[in-house]
Amino acid sequence: MATRASIVMKEKGKPMMAVYKHWDGYPSGLGKTLENIISGGTITNGLSGSPKMGEAFNGAGCLFASIIALLKQGPGDVYVTSLDSVGSAGEEYIYTIDVNGKDAELTYKQT
């Protein structure tokens, strides 16, 4: 059985996009993966040198695109969805990532 989750991605409190994850959405799965992605890189305003994927994020949009790229392993499982659809697919967890400057806060709630 799937452990469904959605990720709401915000910048300075303003929702930008949402991602639905069909499998392994529990905190020790998806939650830990999101923590690792966020803490594994630095949020910057501009890039220099040749950072590798996951080492630097050029603002919130780059972080969010990187999360999708790092989660997506093949067809299915990870989908970009509308903000309006969050909570409508029987998700057990809803994660929120809010980027404010160089900081990103990850929270979640069980539904």
C-alpha atoms as a PDB file:
ATOM      1  CA  MET A   1       0.000   0.000   0.000  1.00  0.00           C
ATOM      2  CA  ALA A   2       1.226   3.499  -0.856  1.00  0.00           C
ATOM      3  CA  THR A   3       2.012   6.141   1.734  1.00  0.00           C
ATOM      4  CA  ARG A   4       0.937   9.227  -0.180  1.00  0.00           C
ATOM      5  CA  ALA A   5       2.262  12.716   0.488  1.00  0.00           C
ATOM      6  CA  SER A   6       2.199  16.205  -0.965  1.00  0.00           C
ATOM      7  CA  ILE A   7       4.888  18.853  -0.759  1.00  0.00           C
ATOM      8  CA  VAL A   8       3.823  22.497  -0.793  1.00  0.00           C
ATOM      9  CA  MET A   9       6.682  24.733  -1.884  1.00  0.00           C
ATOM     10  CA  LYS A  10       6.605  28.344  -0.737  1.00  0.00           C
ATOM     11  CA  GLU A  11       8.805  31.393  -0.982  1.00  0.00           C
ATOM     12  CA  LYS A  12       8.446  33.930   1.844  1.00  0.00           C
ATOM     13  CA  GLY A  13       5.139  32.336   2.823  1.00  0.00           C
ATOM     14  CA  LYS A  14       3.661  32.537  -0.693  1.00  0.00           C
ATOM     15  CA  PRO A  15       2.762  29.130  -2.179  1.00  0.00           C
ATOM     16  CA  MET A  16       4.509  28.589  -5.515  1.00  0.00           C
ATOM     17  CA  MET A  17       3.825  24.964  -6.465  1.00  0.00           C
ATOM     18  CA  ALA A  18       3.007  21.513  -5.187  1.00  0.00           C
ATOM     19  CA  VAL A  19       4.360  18.018  -5.744  1.00  0.00           C
ATOM     20  CA  TYR A  20       2.532  14.765  -5.092  1.00  0.00           C
ATOM     21  CA  LYS A  21       4.531  11.651  -4.099  1.00  0.00           C
ATOM     22  CA  HIS A  22       2.698   8.352  -4.271  1.00  0.00           C
ATOM     23  CA  TRP A  23       5.128   6.054  -2.415  1.00  0.00           C
ATOM     24  CA  ASP A  24       7.137   6.296   0.828  1.00  0.00           C
ATOM     25  CA  GLY A  25       5.707   9.618   1.976  1.00  0.00           C
ATOM     26  CA  TYR A  26       6.241   8.961   5.677  1.00  0.00           C
ATOM     27  CA  PRO A  27       8.672  11.153   7.695  1.00  0.00           C
ATOM     28  CA  SER A  28      11.411   8.515   7.870  1.00  0.00           C
ATOM     29  CA  GLY A  29      11.229   8.172   4.061  1.00  0.00           C
ATOM     30  CA  LEU A  30      10.281  11.323   2.165  1.00  0.00           C
ATOM     31  CA  GLY A  31      10.713  13.573   5.204  1.00  0.00           C
ATOM     32  CA  LYS A  32      14.305  12.431   5.725  1.00  0.00           C
ATOM     33  CA  THR A  33      15.044  12.730   1.999  1.00  0.00           C
ATOM     34  CA  LEU A  34      13.748  16.317   1.958  1.00  0.00           C
ATOM     35  CA  GLU A  35      15.816  17.170   5.049  1.00  0.00           C
ATOM     36  CA  ASN A  36      18.917  15.727   3.379  1.00  0.00           C
ATOM     37  CA  ILE A  37      18.353  17.669   0.155  1.00  0.00           C
ATOM     38  CA  ILE A  38      17.742  20.966   1.946  1.00  0.00           C
ATOM     39  CA  SER A  39      20.636  20.592   4.367  1.00  0.00           C
ATOM     40  CA  GLY A  40      22.974  19.247   1.671  1.00  0.00           C
ATOM     41  CA  GLY A  41      23.199  22.524  -0.218  1.00  0.00           C
ATOM     42  CA  THR A  42      23.355  26.263   0.245  1.00  0.00           C
ATOM     43  CA  ILE A  43      20.651  28.625  -0.981  1.00  0.00           C
ATOM     44  CA  THR A  44      22.365  31.452  -2.847  1.00  0.00           C
ATOM     45  CA  ASN A  45      21.593  34.491  -4.958  1.00  0.00           C
ATOM     46  CA  GLY A  46      23.749  33.655  -7.970  1.00  0.00           C
ATOM     47  CA  LEU A  47      26.171  30.816  -8.563  1.00  0.00           C
ATOM     48  CA  SER A  48      29.917  30.763  -8.972  1.00  0.00           C
ATOM     49  CA  GLY A  49      32.312  27.983  -9.770  1.00  0.00           C
ATOM     50  CA  SER A  50      30.883  24.641 -10.782  1.00  0.00           C
ATOM     51  CA  PRO A  51      28.661  23.402  -7.952  1.00  0.00           C
ATOM     52  CA  LYS A  52      27.317  19.884  -8.299  1.00  0.00           C
ATOM     53  CA  MET A  53      23.632  19.008  -8.147  1.00  0.00           C
ATOM     54  CA  GLY A  54      22.444  19.385  -4.564  1.00  0.00           C
ATOM     55  CA  GLU A  55      25.420  21.469  -3.384  1.00  0.00           C
ATOM     56  CA  ALA A  56      23.984  24.897  -4.207  1.00  0.00           C
ATOM     57  CA  PHE A  57      20.526  26.218  -5.043  1.00  0.00           C
ATOM     58  CA  ASN A  58      20.200  29.548  -6.869  1.00  0.00           C
ATOM     59  CA  GLY A  59      17.123  30.698  -4.929  1.00  0.00           C
ATOM     60  CA  ALA A  60      13.837  29.003  -4.100  1.00  0.00           C
ATOM     61  CA  GLY A  61      12.971  28.031  -7.680  1.00  0.00           C
ATOM     62  CA  CYS A  62      16.276  26.229  -8.106  1.00  0.00           C
ATOM     63  CA  LEU A  63      15.803  24.397  -4.789  1.00  0.00           C
ATOM     64  CA  PHE A  64      12.302  23.298  -5.796  1.00  0.00           C
ATOM     65  CA  ALA A  65      13.432  22.120  -9.252  1.00  0.00           C
ATOM     66  CA  SER A  66      16.330  20.251  -7.624  1.00  0.00           C
ATOM     67  CA  ILE A  67      13.966  18.508  -5.210  1.00  0.00           C
ATOM     68  CA  ILE A  68      11.868  17.254  -8.107  1.00  0.00           C
ATOM     69  CA  ALA A  69      14.964  16.170 -10.054  1.00  0.00           C
ATOM     70  CA  LEU A  70      16.386  14.326  -7.069  1.00  0.00           C
ATOM     71  CA  LEU A  71      13.075  12.621  -6.187  1.00  0.00           C
ATOM     72  CA  LYS A  72      12.093  11.555  -9.720  1.00  0.00           C
ATOM     73  CA  GLN A  73      13.533   8.113 -10.506  1.00  0.00           C
ATOM     74  CA  GLY A  74      11.312   7.145 -13.435  1.00  0.00           C
ATOM     75  CA  PRO A  75       7.699   7.193 -14.642  1.00  0.00           C
ATOM     76  CA  GLY A  76       5.050   7.598 -11.951  1.00  0.00           C
ATOM     77  CA  ASP A  77       5.470   8.208  -8.211  1.00  0.00           C
ATOM     78  CA  VAL A  78       6.387  11.948  -8.340  1.00  0.00           C
ATOM     79  CA  TYR A  79       4.035  14.470  -9.994  1.00  0.00           C
ATOM     80  CA  VAL A  80       3.854  18.256 -10.203  1.00  0.00           C
ATOM     81  CA  THR A  81       0.308  19.182  -9.158  1.00  0.00           C
ATOM     82  CA  SER A  82      -1.760  22.282  -8.545  1.00  0.00           C
ATOM     83  CA  LEU A  83      -1.867  23.848  -5.124  1.00  0.00           C
ATOM     84  CA  ASP A  84      -5.639  23.310  -5.165  1.00  0.00           C
ATOM     85  CA  SER A  85      -5.201  19.539  -5.371  1.00  0.00           C
ATOM     86  CA  VAL A  86      -3.179  19.247  -2.140  1.00  0.00           C
ATOM     87  CA  GLY A  87      -5.080  16.999   0.255  1.00  0.00           C
ATOM     88  CA  SER A  88      -7.416  15.559  -2.357  1.00  0.00           C
ATOM     89  CA  ALA A  89      -5.506  12.342  -3.116  1.00  0.00           C
ATOM     90  CA  GLY A  90      -5.743  10.745   0.308  1.00  0.00           C
ATOM     91  CA  GLU A  91      -2.300  11.920   1.374  1.00  0.00           C
ATOM     92  CA  GLU A  92      -1.183  10.767   4.798  1.00  0.00           C
ATOM     93  CA  TYR A  93       1.383  13.564   5.086  1.00  0.00           C
ATOM     94  CA  ILE A  94       1.624  17.107   3.798  1.00  0.00           C
ATOM     95  CA  TYR A  95       5.063  18.686   3.855  1.00  0.00           C
ATOM     96  CA  THR A  96       5.712  22.403   3.521  1.00  0.00           C
ATOM     97  CA  ILE A  97       9.007  23.919   2.478  1.00  0.00           C
ATOM     98  CA  ASP A  98       9.193  27.688   2.926  1.00  0.00           C
ATOM     99  CA  VAL A  99      12.265  29.499   1.601  1.00  0.00           C
ATOM    100  CA  ASN A 100      13.064  32.896   3.051  1.00  0.00           C
ATOM    101  CA  GLY A 101      16.317  34.241   1.665  1.00  0.00           C
ATOM    102  CA  LYS A 102      19.081  31.745   2.418  1.00  0.00           C
ATOM    103  CA  ASP A 103      16.970  29.706   4.852  1.00  0.00           C
ATOM    104  CA  ALA A 104      14.481  26.922   4.152  1.00  0.00           C
ATOM    105  CA  GLU A 105      12.079  25.595   6.767  1.00  0.00           C
ATOM    106  CA  LEU A 106      10.625  22.102   6.390  1.00  0.00           C
ATOM    107  CA  THR A 107       7.500  21.195   8.346  1.00  0.00           C
ATOM    108  CA  TYR A 108       4.911  18.470   7.960  1.00  0.00           C
ATOM    109  CA  LYS A 109       1.553  17.429   9.264  1.00  0.00           C
ATOM    110  CA  GLN A 110      -0.132  14.074   9.326  1.00  0.00           C
ATOM    111  CA  THR A 111      -3.622  14.175   7.855  1.00  0.00           C
END
